[in-house]
Protein backbone atom coordinates (compact mmCIF):
# COMPACT_ATOMS: atom_id res chain seq x y z
CA MET A 1 -10.91 24.61 27.19
CA ILE A 2 -7.22 24.15 26.33
CA ASN A 3 -6.65 23.72 22.61
CA LYS A 4 -4.42 20.66 22.78
CA GLU A 5 -3.94 20.53 19.01
CA LYS A 6 -2.44 24.04 18.95
CA VAL A 7 -0.09 23.22 21.83
CA VAL A 8 1.15 20.01 20.22
CA SER A 9 1.52 21.73 16.84
CA TYR A 10 3.51 24.59 18.36
CA VAL A 11 5.92 22.25 20.11
CA LYS A 12 6.47 20.14 17.01
CA ASN A 13 7.01 23.16 14.75
CA ASN A 14 9.49 24.74 17.12
CA GLN A 15 11.30 21.64 18.29
CA ASN A 16 14.63 22.68 16.76
CA SER A 17 14.61 26.01 18.60
CA LEU A 18 13.82 24.49 21.98
CA TRP A 19 16.42 23.57 24.55
CA GLN A 20 16.08 20.05 25.88
CA GLN A 21 17.71 18.46 28.90
CA LYS A 22 17.32 15.22 30.76
CA PHE A 23 17.10 15.07 34.54
CA GLY A 24 17.13 11.43 35.57
CA PRO A 25 14.22 9.80 33.71
CA LEU A 26 12.57 13.18 33.01
CA ASP A 27 12.78 14.84 29.61
CA VAL A 28 12.53 18.61 30.10
CA VAL A 29 12.11 21.06 27.22
CA ILE A 30 12.75 24.76 27.82
CA LYS A 31 10.65 26.82 25.43
CA ASP A 32 11.49 30.11 27.19
CA GLN A 33 14.13 30.75 29.81
CA VAL A 34 12.85 30.84 33.38
CA ILE A 35 12.22 34.33 34.74
CA ASN A 36 14.14 35.20 37.91
CA GLU A 37 16.95 33.13 39.35
CA VAL A 38 15.76 29.55 39.46
CA ASP A 39 18.20 26.66 39.72
CA LEU A 40 16.65 24.09 37.39
CA SER A 41 19.22 21.45 38.31
CA GLY A 42 18.43 21.98 41.98
CA VAL A 43 14.68 21.92 41.33
CA PHE A 44 14.74 18.64 39.44
CA ASP A 45 17.23 17.10 41.83
CA LYS A 46 14.67 17.65 44.58
CA ILE A 47 11.82 16.35 42.41
CA LEU A 48 13.78 13.17 41.73
CA LYS A 49 14.33 12.70 45.47
CA LEU A 50 10.74 13.45 46.44
CA ILE A 51 8.71 11.60 43.81
CA PRO A 52 9.10 7.81 43.41
CA ASP A 53 10.27 6.50 40.04
CA HIS A 54 6.95 4.80 39.27
CA PHE A 55 5.27 8.23 39.43
CA LEU A 56 7.99 9.97 37.42
CA GLU A 57 7.46 7.42 34.64
CA LEU A 58 3.85 8.55 34.25
CA VAL A 59 4.99 11.84 32.70
CA ASP A 60 6.48 11.64 29.20
CA ILE A 61 7.86 15.17 29.03
CA ILE A 62 7.85 18.52 30.84
CA TYR A 63 7.63 21.82 28.93
CA ILE A 64 8.66 25.09 30.58
CA GLY A 65 7.73 28.32 28.86
CA ASN A 66 5.39 31.22 28.23
CA PHE A 67 2.19 29.47 27.17
CA ASP A 68 -0.89 31.49 26.26
CA PHE A 69 -3.26 28.70 27.24
CA LEU A 70 -1.93 28.79 30.82
CA LYS A 71 -2.50 32.55 30.98
CA GLU A 72 -6.01 32.16 29.58
CA LYS A 73 -6.87 29.75 32.39
CA SER A 74 -4.99 31.82 35.01
CA VAL A 75 -2.94 28.80 36.06
CA ASN A 76 0.78 28.21 36.45
CA ALA A 77 0.82 24.68 35.11
CA SER A 78 -1.27 21.98 33.46
CA TYR A 79 -1.02 18.23 32.93
CA MET A 80 -2.47 16.76 29.75
CA ASP A 81 -1.79 13.85 27.43
CA GLY A 82 1.18 12.62 29.47
CA ALA A 83 2.95 16.01 29.50
CA ILE A 84 3.33 18.77 32.07
CA TYR A 85 3.28 22.37 30.84
CA VAL A 86 4.54 24.90 33.38
CA THR A 87 5.05 28.64 33.16
CA ASN A 88 8.56 30.08 33.02
CA ASP A 89 7.40 32.95 35.26
CA GLN A 90 8.60 31.50 38.54
CA GLU A 91 9.55 33.51 41.61
CA SER A 92 11.73 30.86 43.21
CA ASP A 93 12.85 27.25 43.18
CA SER A 94 10.11 26.33 45.65
CA ASP A 95 7.40 27.85 43.44
CA LEU A 96 8.45 25.71 40.50
CA ILE A 97 8.70 22.63 42.73
CA ASP A 98 5.17 23.27 44.03
CA ASP A 99 3.80 23.56 40.49
CA LEU A 100 5.51 20.36 39.33
CA VAL A 101 4.45 18.29 42.33
CA HIS A 102 0.86 19.48 41.88
CA GLU A 103 0.82 18.37 38.24
CA PHE A 104 2.41 15.02 39.08
CA SER A 105 -0.60 14.50 41.32
CA HIS A 106 -2.89 14.78 38.29
CA ALA A 107 -0.76 12.27 36.39
CA VAL A 108 -1.05 9.85 39.30
CA GLU A 109 -4.80 10.42 39.53
CA GLU A 110 -5.28 9.87 35.80
CA ASN A 111 -3.36 6.59 35.87
CA HIS A 112 -4.63 5.27 39.21
CA GLY A 113 -8.07 6.85 39.43
CA TYR A 114 -9.86 3.54 39.88
CA PHE A 115 -7.74 2.59 42.88
CA ILE A 116 -8.05 6.08 44.38
CA TYR A 117 -11.80 6.56 44.05
CA ASP A 118 -13.54 3.23 43.45
CA ASP A 119 -14.40 2.42 47.07
CA GLY A 120 -15.96 5.86 47.52
CA THR A 121 -14.15 6.70 50.76
CA ILE A 122 -12.45 9.85 49.45
CA GLU A 123 -15.59 11.15 47.78
CA ARG A 124 -17.61 10.65 50.98
CA GLU A 125 -14.89 12.41 52.96
CA PHE A 126 -14.83 15.30 50.48
CA LEU A 127 -18.60 15.75 50.18
CA GLY A 128 -19.03 15.45 53.93
CA LYS A 129 -16.70 18.41 54.36
CA ARG A 130 -18.47 20.32 51.60
CA ASN A 131 -21.77 19.80 53.44
CA ARG A 132 -20.29 21.07 56.70
CA LEU A 133 -18.97 24.13 54.87
CA LYS A 134 -22.41 24.75 53.37
CA LYS A 135 -24.07 24.67 56.78
CA ILE A 136 -21.48 27.05 58.21
CA LEU A 137 -21.94 29.51 55.34
CA VAL A 138 -25.73 29.48 55.77
CA HIS A 139 -25.29 30.05 59.51
CA GLU A 140 -22.99 32.99 58.74
CA GLY A 141 -25.70 34.55 56.59
CA TYR A 142 -24.37 33.84 53.09
CA GLU A 143 -26.96 33.41 50.35
CA ILE A 144 -26.01 30.15 48.63
CA GLY A 145 -29.14 29.85 46.46
CA GLN A 146 -28.90 26.89 44.09
CA LEU A 147 -25.13 26.47 44.35
CA ASP A 148 -24.15 22.83 43.91
CA PHE A 149 -22.28 21.55 46.96
CA ILE A 150 -23.00 17.86 46.29
CA ASN A 151 -21.26 17.46 42.92
CA SER A 152 -17.64 16.44 43.42
CA GLU A 153 -16.60 17.74 39.99
CA TYR A 154 -15.42 21.30 39.40
CA ASN A 155 -18.17 23.92 39.22
CA HIS A 156 -17.21 27.40 38.05
CA GLU A 157 -20.20 29.08 39.71
CA LEU A 158 -19.33 27.58 43.11
CA ASP A 159 -15.65 28.43 42.69
CA THR A 160 -16.50 32.05 41.85
CA PHE A 161 -18.81 32.32 44.86
CA LEU A 162 -16.18 30.94 47.25
CA PHE A 163 -13.39 33.07 45.82
CA LYS A 164 -15.14 36.40 45.25
CA GLN A 165 -18.14 36.53 47.60
CA VAL A 166 -16.79 34.68 50.62
CA GLY A 167 -13.05 34.94 50.06
CA TYR A 168 -10.49 32.21 50.56
CA GLU A 169 -9.04 33.78 53.70
CA LYS A 170 -12.49 34.00 55.28
CA ILE A 171 -13.27 30.40 54.37
CA MET A 172 -10.19 29.09 56.14
CA SER A 173 -11.07 31.07 59.25
CA LEU A 174 -14.57 29.56 59.21
CA VAL A 175 -13.47 25.95 58.70
CA PRO A 176 -10.03 25.53 60.28
CA GLY A 177 -8.79 21.97 60.03
CA LEU A 178 -11.43 20.97 57.47
CA PHE A 179 -9.60 21.57 54.20
CA LEU A 180 -5.88 21.83 53.52
CA ALA A 181 -6.37 24.88 51.30
CA PRO A 182 -9.33 26.88 49.93
CA TYR A 183 -8.93 25.78 46.31
CA SER A 184 -9.13 22.13 47.37
CA ILE A 185 -12.83 22.78 48.04
CA THR A 186 -13.56 23.34 44.33
CA SER A 187 -13.38 19.70 43.21
CA ILE A 188 -12.41 16.24 44.35
CA ARG A 189 -9.49 16.33 41.91
CA GLU A 190 -8.07 19.44 43.54
CA TYR A 191 -8.82 17.96 46.97
CA PHE A 192 -6.64 14.99 46.04
CA ALA A 193 -3.98 17.18 44.39
CA ARG A 194 -3.58 19.39 47.45
CA ALA A 195 -3.29 16.32 49.66
CA PHE A 196 -0.63 14.94 47.29
CA GLU A 197 1.34 18.18 47.76
CA GLU A 198 1.06 17.86 51.53
CA PHE A 199 2.23 14.25 51.37
CA TYR A 200 5.42 15.14 49.47
CA LEU A 201 6.08 18.74 50.49
CA GLY A 202 4.33 19.22 53.81
CA ASP A 203 3.42 17.42 57.00
CA ARG A 204 2.23 13.83 56.64
CA VAL A 205 1.04 13.71 60.24
CA TYR A 206 -1.19 16.72 59.58
CA LEU A 207 -2.38 15.17 56.31
CA LYS A 208 -3.39 12.00 58.15
CA LYS A 209 -5.46 14.12 60.53
CA ILE A 210 -7.19 16.26 57.89
CA CYS A 211 -7.52 13.79 54.99
CA PRO A 212 -7.19 10.29 56.49
CA TYR A 213 -8.52 8.35 53.51
CA ILE A 214 -6.33 10.12 50.99
CA ASN A 215 -3.36 9.56 53.28
CA ILE A 216 -4.02 5.81 53.23
CA LYS A 217 -4.30 5.75 49.44
CA LEU A 218 -1.20 7.87 48.91
CA PHE A 219 0.88 5.76 51.27
CA SER A 220 -0.09 2.63 49.35
CA LEU A 221 0.49 4.31 45.97
CA HIS A 222 3.87 5.60 47.11
CA GLU A 223 5.04 2.19 48.32
CA LYS A 224 3.55 0.01 45.57
CA GLY A 225 4.32 0.84 41.99
CA SER A 226 2.28 -1.62 39.95
CA GLU A 227 -1.45 -2.21 39.54
CA GLU A 228 -0.89 -5.84 40.53
CA GLN A 229 0.61 -4.73 43.84
CA LEU A 230 -2.12 -2.16 44.38
CA ASN A 231 -4.79 -4.78 43.85
CA GLU A 232 -3.35 -6.64 46.82
CA PHE A 233 -4.00 -3.64 49.04
């Protein structure tokens, strides 16, 4: 688990040594300079054009730096308590944009989770695909034992099996057109997050084909910024 108290304490104690800049409505704090040549102004200019204002407002602040808790979890970024923390080890502008858009998806999910999941359509879509994957793996001779394919929450044992025993590349060859990406199989949250990325950075026509129910929800969320408007959907 991420030690949120340590992260918050670190930021507060080092606030004077951090470089802060504002990009539109976004407050961005640079703890450590970005590795490699990344145009931060260009990155955030694209983010501001891609993401609607009512989503940008869900994030209080963005921290860029070398964070141990990100390394411990082997992730590039994390959203928690209204803030996005993203590694400064970025290979290109597009890598940083991908990380930021992914974390904005978690902010949207946290704030609009009821609207996204309450009718059960996305969960049924997700678990239906999981079940099809399970049947394919059994047919291919994989020993799945007691692995939990029917829990939509993240399961480390299942993730490890898919990543190490089957392999992400193999999975996508077995189930083309079922999931947008291998990691989206690991939980409904990542299923939604990957679809969010496709909506803003990829092909919306393809998203509609692969994840029709998420596409409907995202279109409504994108167009309607308030809970009152969403309730009219």
